[in-house]
N, C-alpha and C. Protein backbone atom coordinates (compact mmCIF):
# COMPACT_ATOMS: atom_id res chain seq x y z
N MET A 1 116.65 81.74 108.52
CA MET A 1 115.41 81.18 108.99
C MET A 1 114.44 81.14 107.81
N GLU A 2 113.74 80.03 107.68
CA GLU A 2 112.76 79.90 106.60
C GLU A 2 111.46 79.32 107.13
N VAL A 3 110.35 79.90 106.66
CA VAL A 3 109.01 79.39 106.92
C VAL A 3 108.40 79.09 105.56
N ARG A 4 107.83 77.90 105.40
CA ARG A 4 107.16 77.55 104.14
C ARG A 4 105.83 76.90 104.49
N ALA A 5 104.76 77.36 103.85
CA ALA A 5 103.43 76.79 104.09
C ALA A 5 102.71 76.67 102.76
N GLU A 6 101.95 75.61 102.58
CA GLU A 6 101.15 75.43 101.38
C GLU A 6 99.83 74.78 101.75
N ALA A 7 98.82 75.01 100.91
CA ALA A 7 97.50 74.44 101.17
C ALA A 7 96.65 74.54 99.91
N ARG A 8 95.55 73.82 99.93
CA ARG A 8 94.52 73.94 98.90
C ARG A 8 93.36 74.72 99.51
N PHE A 9 92.81 75.65 98.74
CA PHE A 9 91.70 76.46 99.23
C PHE A 9 90.43 75.61 99.38
N ALA A 10 89.68 75.91 100.43
CA ALA A 10 88.39 75.27 100.69
C ALA A 10 87.45 76.34 101.23
N PRO A 11 86.15 76.18 101.00
CA PRO A 11 85.21 77.15 101.58
C PRO A 11 85.20 77.03 103.11
N PRO A 12 84.78 78.09 103.82
CA PRO A 12 84.79 78.05 105.28
C PRO A 12 83.89 76.94 105.84
N THR A 13 82.93 76.46 105.07
CA THR A 13 82.01 75.41 105.54
C THR A 13 82.46 74.00 105.14
N ALA A 14 83.68 73.87 104.59
CA ALA A 14 84.16 72.57 104.12
C ALA A 14 84.19 71.54 105.25
N PHE A 15 83.87 70.29 104.91
CA PHE A 15 83.90 69.20 105.89
C PHE A 15 85.31 69.02 106.43
N VAL A 16 86.31 69.11 105.55
CA VAL A 16 87.71 69.04 105.96
C VAL A 16 88.27 70.46 105.92
N PRO A 17 88.51 71.07 107.09
CA PRO A 17 88.97 72.46 107.10
C PRO A 17 90.37 72.59 106.49
N SER A 18 90.66 73.79 106.03
CA SER A 18 91.97 74.09 105.44
C SER A 18 92.48 75.40 106.01
N ALA A 19 93.81 75.55 106.03
CA ALA A 19 94.42 76.83 106.42
C ALA A 19 94.18 77.89 105.36
N ALA A 20 93.75 77.46 104.16
CA ALA A 20 93.45 78.37 103.04
C ALA A 20 91.93 78.36 102.81
N ILE A 21 91.31 79.52 102.99
CA ILE A 21 89.85 79.64 102.89
C ILE A 21 89.50 80.52 101.70
N THR A 22 88.59 80.04 100.86
CA THR A 22 88.08 80.87 99.77
C THR A 22 86.70 81.40 100.14
N TYR A 23 86.52 82.69 99.89
CA TYR A 23 85.22 83.33 100.11
C TYR A 23 84.52 83.60 98.78
N GLU A 24 85.24 83.48 97.67
CA GLU A 24 84.72 83.80 96.33
C GLU A 24 85.25 82.75 95.36
N GLN A 25 84.48 81.64 95.18
CA GLN A 25 84.98 80.51 94.42
C GLN A 25 85.10 80.77 92.92
N GLN A 26 84.48 81.81 92.41
CA GLN A 26 84.65 82.11 90.98
C GLN A 26 86.08 82.58 90.71
N LEU A 27 86.66 83.35 91.63
CA LEU A 27 88.02 83.87 91.44
C LEU A 27 89.08 83.05 92.16
N VAL A 28 88.70 82.38 93.25
CA VAL A 28 89.61 81.49 93.98
C VAL A 28 88.87 80.18 94.19
N PRO A 29 88.89 79.29 93.18
CA PRO A 29 88.12 78.04 93.27
C PRO A 29 88.60 77.13 94.40
N ALA A 30 87.65 76.37 94.96
CA ALA A 30 88.02 75.33 95.91
C ALA A 30 89.01 74.40 95.21
N ALA A 31 90.00 73.95 95.94
CA ALA A 31 91.08 73.07 95.47
C ALA A 31 92.19 73.81 94.73
N SER A 32 92.06 75.13 94.48
CA SER A 32 93.21 75.87 93.95
C SER A 32 94.27 75.88 95.05
N TRP A 33 95.52 76.13 94.68
CA TRP A 33 96.66 75.90 95.56
C TRP A 33 97.43 77.19 95.82
N ILE A 34 98.00 77.30 97.04
CA ILE A 34 98.82 78.44 97.41
C ILE A 34 100.03 77.97 98.21
N GLU A 35 101.15 78.64 97.99
CA GLU A 35 102.37 78.41 98.77
C GLU A 35 102.96 79.77 99.13
N VAL A 36 103.33 79.94 100.39
CA VAL A 36 103.99 81.15 100.85
C VAL A 36 105.27 80.75 101.54
N THR A 37 106.36 81.44 101.19
CA THR A 37 107.67 81.20 101.80
C THR A 37 108.19 82.51 102.38
N GLN A 38 108.71 82.44 103.57
CA GLN A 38 109.35 83.59 104.22
C GLN A 38 110.80 83.21 104.52
N ARG A 39 111.72 84.05 104.10
CA ARG A 39 113.14 83.89 104.44
C ARG A 39 113.58 85.17 105.14
N SER A 40 114.12 85.00 106.35
CA SER A 40 114.55 86.16 107.13
C SER A 40 115.94 85.94 107.68
N ASP A 41 116.69 87.03 107.76
CA ASP A 41 117.98 87.04 108.44
C ASP A 41 118.16 88.41 109.08
N GLN A 42 119.36 88.72 109.54
CA GLN A 42 119.58 89.99 110.22
C GLN A 42 119.46 91.18 109.26
N ILE A 43 119.52 90.93 107.96
CA ILE A 43 119.45 92.00 106.95
C ILE A 43 118.02 92.35 106.59
N GLY A 44 117.14 91.35 106.57
CA GLY A 44 115.76 91.64 106.19
C GLY A 44 114.95 90.39 105.94
N THR A 45 113.82 90.58 105.24
CA THR A 45 112.85 89.51 105.01
C THR A 45 112.41 89.50 103.56
N ARG A 46 112.29 88.29 103.00
CA ARG A 46 111.72 88.09 101.66
C ARG A 46 110.52 87.18 101.82
N VAL A 47 109.37 87.62 101.29
CA VAL A 47 108.16 86.80 101.30
C VAL A 47 107.82 86.51 99.84
N SER A 48 107.63 85.23 99.52
CA SER A 48 107.30 84.80 98.16
C SER A 48 105.98 84.06 98.16
N LEU A 49 105.23 84.22 97.07
CA LEU A 49 103.92 83.63 96.91
C LEU A 49 103.87 82.91 95.57
N ARG A 50 103.27 81.71 95.57
CA ARG A 50 102.96 80.99 94.32
C ARG A 50 101.54 80.46 94.43
N VAL A 51 100.79 80.54 93.34
CA VAL A 51 99.42 80.03 93.31
C VAL A 51 99.19 79.27 92.02
N LYS A 52 98.22 78.35 92.06
CA LYS A 52 97.79 77.61 90.87
C LYS A 52 96.28 77.42 90.95
N GLY A 53 95.63 77.47 89.79
CA GLY A 53 94.21 77.17 89.71
C GLY A 53 93.28 78.34 89.90
N LEU A 54 93.80 79.58 89.87
CA LEU A 54 92.94 80.74 90.03
C LEU A 54 92.34 81.17 88.69
N GLN A 55 91.52 82.22 88.71
CA GLN A 55 90.86 82.72 87.50
C GLN A 55 91.90 83.33 86.56
N PRO A 56 92.10 82.75 85.37
CA PRO A 56 93.09 83.30 84.43
C PRO A 56 92.82 84.76 84.10
N GLY A 57 93.90 85.54 84.07
CA GLY A 57 93.82 86.94 83.67
C GLY A 57 93.38 87.91 84.75
N HIS A 58 92.94 87.40 85.92
CA HIS A 58 92.49 88.32 86.97
C HIS A 58 93.70 88.92 87.69
N ALA A 59 93.62 90.22 88.00
CA ALA A 59 94.68 90.93 88.73
C ALA A 59 94.32 90.93 90.22
N TYR A 60 95.06 90.17 91.00
CA TYR A 60 94.81 90.01 92.43
C TYR A 60 95.70 90.95 93.24
N GLY A 61 95.13 91.54 94.28
CA GLY A 61 95.92 92.24 95.29
C GLY A 61 96.15 91.27 96.44
N VAL A 62 97.36 91.23 96.97
CA VAL A 62 97.69 90.29 98.04
C VAL A 62 98.54 91.00 99.08
N HIS A 63 98.16 90.84 100.35
CA HIS A 63 98.89 91.49 101.44
C HIS A 63 99.00 90.56 102.64
N VAL A 64 100.03 90.76 103.46
CA VAL A 64 100.13 90.08 104.74
C VAL A 64 99.22 90.81 105.73
N HIS A 65 98.43 90.03 106.48
CA HIS A 65 97.52 90.58 107.48
C HIS A 65 97.94 90.13 108.88
N GLN A 66 97.36 90.77 109.90
CA GLN A 66 97.82 90.59 111.28
C GLN A 66 97.33 89.33 111.98
N LYS A 67 96.16 88.80 111.60
CA LYS A 67 95.56 87.71 112.35
C LYS A 67 95.28 86.51 111.44
N PRO A 68 95.10 85.32 112.02
CA PRO A 68 94.78 84.14 111.21
C PRO A 68 93.42 84.28 110.52
N CYS A 69 93.21 83.48 109.49
CA CYS A 69 91.95 83.46 108.75
C CYS A 69 90.83 82.88 109.59
N GLY A 70 89.62 83.21 109.20
CA GLY A 70 88.43 82.66 109.83
C GLY A 70 87.30 82.60 108.84
N ALA A 71 86.16 82.09 109.27
CA ALA A 71 84.99 81.98 108.39
C ALA A 71 84.55 83.36 107.90
N ASP A 72 84.71 84.38 108.72
CA ASP A 72 84.40 85.76 108.35
C ASP A 72 85.65 86.35 107.69
N PRO A 73 85.55 86.90 106.48
CA PRO A 73 86.71 87.47 105.81
C PRO A 73 87.44 88.54 106.64
N ALA A 74 86.72 89.22 107.53
CA ALA A 74 87.35 90.27 108.35
C ALA A 74 88.22 89.70 109.47
N ALA A 75 88.17 88.39 109.72
CA ALA A 75 88.90 87.78 110.83
C ALA A 75 90.41 88.04 110.77
N ALA A 76 90.97 88.17 109.57
CA ALA A 76 92.41 88.36 109.42
C ALA A 76 92.88 89.74 109.85
N GLY A 77 91.95 90.61 110.20
CA GLY A 77 92.33 91.93 110.70
C GLY A 77 92.96 92.79 109.62
N PRO A 78 93.62 93.88 110.04
CA PRO A 78 94.21 94.81 109.08
C PRO A 78 95.54 94.30 108.52
N HIS A 79 96.07 95.03 107.55
CA HIS A 79 97.39 94.73 106.98
C HIS A 79 98.45 94.81 108.07
N TYR A 80 99.45 93.94 107.97
CA TYR A 80 100.63 94.06 108.82
C TYR A 80 101.41 95.27 108.32
N GLN A 81 101.82 96.14 109.23
CA GLN A 81 102.65 97.29 108.88
C GLN A 81 103.92 97.27 109.71
N ASN A 82 105.04 97.61 109.07
CA ASN A 82 106.30 97.72 109.80
C ASN A 82 106.22 98.85 110.81
N GLU A 83 105.69 99.98 110.41
CA GLU A 83 105.46 101.13 111.29
C GLU A 83 104.02 101.58 111.08
N PRO A 84 103.29 101.93 112.14
CA PRO A 84 101.94 102.45 111.93
C PRO A 84 101.98 103.64 110.98
N GLY A 85 101.15 103.61 109.96
CA GLY A 85 101.19 104.70 108.99
C GLY A 85 100.42 104.37 107.74
N PRO A 86 100.88 104.94 106.63
CA PRO A 86 100.14 104.78 105.38
C PRO A 86 100.22 103.36 104.83
N MET A 87 99.19 103.00 104.06
CA MET A 87 99.21 101.72 103.35
C MET A 87 100.05 101.92 102.09
N ASP A 88 101.21 101.27 102.05
CA ASP A 88 102.04 101.33 100.85
C ASP A 88 102.99 100.15 100.84
N PRO A 89 103.53 99.80 99.66
CA PRO A 89 104.37 98.60 99.56
C PRO A 89 105.70 98.68 100.28
N GLU A 90 106.12 99.86 100.74
CA GLU A 90 107.37 99.97 101.51
C GLU A 90 107.15 99.63 102.98
N ASN A 91 105.94 99.91 103.48
CA ASN A 91 105.62 99.74 104.89
C ASN A 91 104.85 98.44 105.15
N GLU A 92 104.45 97.75 104.08
CA GLU A 92 103.68 96.51 104.16
C GLU A 92 104.24 95.50 103.17
N VAL A 93 103.76 94.27 103.26
CA VAL A 93 104.14 93.24 102.29
C VAL A 93 103.02 93.14 101.26
N TRP A 94 103.30 93.60 100.03
CA TRP A 94 102.35 93.53 98.91
C TRP A 94 102.86 92.48 97.94
N LEU A 95 101.99 91.56 97.56
CA LEU A 95 102.35 90.47 96.66
C LEU A 95 101.36 90.42 95.48
N ASP A 96 101.01 91.58 94.93
CA ASP A 96 100.06 91.65 93.82
C ASP A 96 100.59 90.89 92.60
N PHE A 97 99.69 90.24 91.87
CA PHE A 97 100.04 89.51 90.66
C PHE A 97 98.81 89.39 89.77
N THR A 98 99.03 89.07 88.51
CA THR A 98 97.95 88.75 87.58
C THR A 98 98.09 87.29 87.20
N ALA A 99 97.03 86.52 87.36
CA ALA A 99 97.07 85.08 87.05
C ALA A 99 97.26 84.88 85.55
N GLY A 100 98.15 83.95 85.21
CA GLY A 100 98.42 83.63 83.82
C GLY A 100 97.28 82.86 83.17
N LYS A 101 97.47 82.49 81.92
CA LYS A 101 96.45 81.76 81.16
C LYS A 101 96.06 80.44 81.81
N ASP A 102 97.00 79.86 82.57
CA ASP A 102 96.74 78.59 83.25
C ASP A 102 96.27 78.78 84.70
N GLY A 103 96.05 80.05 85.11
CA GLY A 103 95.59 80.32 86.47
C GLY A 103 96.68 80.36 87.52
N SER A 104 97.94 80.33 87.08
CA SER A 104 99.04 80.38 88.05
C SER A 104 99.57 81.81 88.18
N GLY A 105 100.26 82.04 89.28
CA GLY A 105 100.87 83.35 89.49
C GLY A 105 101.92 83.27 90.57
N LYS A 106 102.75 84.29 90.62
CA LYS A 106 103.76 84.36 91.67
C LYS A 106 104.15 85.81 91.89
N ALA A 107 104.66 86.08 93.08
CA ALA A 107 105.11 87.41 93.43
C ALA A 107 106.04 87.28 94.63
N SER A 108 106.87 88.30 94.84
CA SER A 108 107.70 88.33 96.04
C SER A 108 107.94 89.78 96.43
N ALA A 109 108.25 89.97 97.69
CA ALA A 109 108.55 91.29 98.24
C ALA A 109 109.75 91.14 99.17
N VAL A 110 110.64 92.12 99.12
CA VAL A 110 111.83 92.12 99.96
C VAL A 110 111.85 93.42 100.76
N HIS A 111 112.10 93.29 102.07
CA HIS A 111 112.16 94.45 102.95
C HIS A 111 113.37 94.33 103.86
N ASN A 112 113.87 95.47 104.32
CA ASN A 112 115.01 95.47 105.25
C ASN A 112 114.53 95.43 106.69
N TRP A 113 113.31 94.97 106.92
CA TRP A 113 112.76 94.80 108.25
C TRP A 113 112.12 93.41 108.33
N GLY A 114 111.84 92.97 109.55
CA GLY A 114 111.23 91.66 109.76
C GLY A 114 109.93 91.79 110.53
N PHE A 115 109.18 90.70 110.59
CA PHE A 115 107.91 90.68 111.32
C PHE A 115 108.15 90.67 112.82
N ARG A 116 107.29 91.37 113.55
CA ARG A 116 107.30 91.29 115.01
C ARG A 116 106.56 90.01 115.42
N ARG A 117 107.05 89.38 116.47
CA ARG A 117 106.48 88.10 116.93
C ARG A 117 104.97 88.22 117.18
N GLY A 118 104.20 87.32 116.55
CA GLY A 118 102.77 87.24 116.77
C GLY A 118 101.93 88.32 116.08
N GLU A 119 102.53 89.15 115.23
CA GLU A 119 101.78 90.26 114.61
C GLU A 119 101.51 90.09 113.12
N ALA A 120 102.00 89.00 112.52
CA ALA A 120 101.72 88.69 111.12
C ALA A 120 101.28 87.24 111.06
N ALA A 121 100.08 86.98 110.50
CA ALA A 121 99.55 85.62 110.61
C ALA A 121 98.83 85.10 109.38
N ALA A 122 98.68 85.92 108.31
CA ALA A 122 97.92 85.45 107.15
C ALA A 122 98.29 86.26 105.91
N VAL A 123 97.95 85.66 104.76
CA VAL A 123 98.02 86.35 103.47
C VAL A 123 96.59 86.41 102.96
N VAL A 124 96.14 87.60 102.58
CA VAL A 124 94.78 87.79 102.06
C VAL A 124 94.84 88.15 100.59
N LEU A 125 94.04 87.46 99.78
CA LEU A 125 93.88 87.79 98.36
C LEU A 125 92.68 88.72 98.23
N HIS A 126 92.92 89.88 97.60
CA HIS A 126 91.88 90.89 97.42
C HIS A 126 91.43 90.93 95.96
N ARG A 127 90.23 91.45 95.72
CA ARG A 127 89.66 91.55 94.38
C ARG A 127 90.48 92.46 93.47
N GLU A 128 91.02 93.57 94.02
CA GLU A 128 91.78 94.53 93.22
C GLU A 128 93.21 94.63 93.72
N GLN A 129 94.10 95.02 92.83
CA GLN A 129 95.47 95.30 93.22
C GLN A 129 95.54 96.66 93.90
N GLY A 130 96.60 96.86 94.67
CA GLY A 130 96.77 98.12 95.39
C GLY A 130 96.48 97.95 96.86
N GLY A 131 96.09 99.02 97.50
CA GLY A 131 95.98 99.05 98.95
C GLY A 131 94.92 98.21 99.62
N ALA A 132 93.77 98.01 99.00
CA ALA A 132 92.71 97.29 99.70
C ALA A 132 91.71 96.74 98.70
N GLY A 133 90.54 96.36 99.19
CA GLY A 133 89.49 95.81 98.35
C GLY A 133 88.86 94.61 98.99
N GLU A 134 87.80 94.11 98.37
CA GLU A 134 87.08 92.95 98.88
C GLU A 134 88.03 91.76 99.08
N ARG A 135 87.84 91.05 100.16
CA ARG A 135 88.67 89.88 100.48
C ARG A 135 88.08 88.65 99.80
N LEU A 136 88.87 88.05 98.90
CA LEU A 136 88.44 86.88 98.14
C LEU A 136 88.80 85.58 98.84
N ALA A 137 89.96 85.57 99.50
CA ALA A 137 90.48 84.35 100.11
C ALA A 137 91.51 84.73 101.16
N CYS A 138 91.82 83.76 102.03
CA CYS A 138 92.78 83.99 103.11
C CYS A 138 93.55 82.70 103.37
N PHE A 139 94.84 82.84 103.67
CA PHE A 139 95.70 81.70 103.97
C PHE A 139 96.46 82.00 105.25
N SER A 140 96.22 81.23 106.31
CA SER A 140 96.96 81.40 107.57
C SER A 140 98.37 80.86 107.40
N VAL A 141 99.35 81.69 107.74
CA VAL A 141 100.76 81.36 107.57
C VAL A 141 101.49 81.61 108.89
N PRO A 142 102.32 80.68 109.36
CA PRO A 142 103.03 80.88 110.63
C PRO A 142 104.28 81.75 110.45
N PHE A 143 104.08 83.03 110.07
CA PHE A 143 105.22 83.93 109.91
C PHE A 143 106.00 84.03 111.21
N ALA A 144 107.30 84.28 111.10
CA ALA A 144 108.17 84.32 112.27
C ALA A 144 109.04 85.57 112.23
N PRO A 145 109.48 86.05 113.42
CA PRO A 145 110.40 87.17 113.43
C PRO A 145 111.78 86.72 112.95
N PRO A 146 112.61 87.65 112.54
CA PRO A 146 113.96 87.27 112.11
C PRO A 146 114.76 86.71 113.28
N PRO A 147 115.78 85.93 112.98
CA PRO A 147 116.60 85.37 114.06
C PRO A 147 117.34 86.48 114.81
N ALA A 148 117.53 86.29 116.10
CA ALA A 148 118.28 87.27 116.88
C ALA A 148 119.73 87.25 116.43
N GLY A 149 120.35 88.39 116.52
CA GLY A 149 121.76 88.37 116.11
C GLY A 149 122.40 89.65 116.07
């Protein structure tokens, strides 16, 4: 099973809404691009991220969150966790990266678990790498549970 979504970031007040919302245009400029791919099977899940047009050299923290994006950065809710517990890259999907000289970046995470139906809905870009930090941008992604089998 594969889910692939891409969009260009726009501010929450944009005339033409986007699934990708920027809250901080200095680090995530309007019209910068994001793509998220999820591949799942009975063994596990791989989530991959690619971006273009971001602030060169900035170290972004990126995590899967529970709810879709909204005009308020808090709308995406908390991090998706496989099991309720500590914030760490084994229990969550962390896609931290540092943007290259051209503003592009990529990351991927592989886990031996899959998303529960309706409990993972967005990728949030944070100001700092690691567990948390100010929310710079959000991209609503139609994540899916692994196929039954």
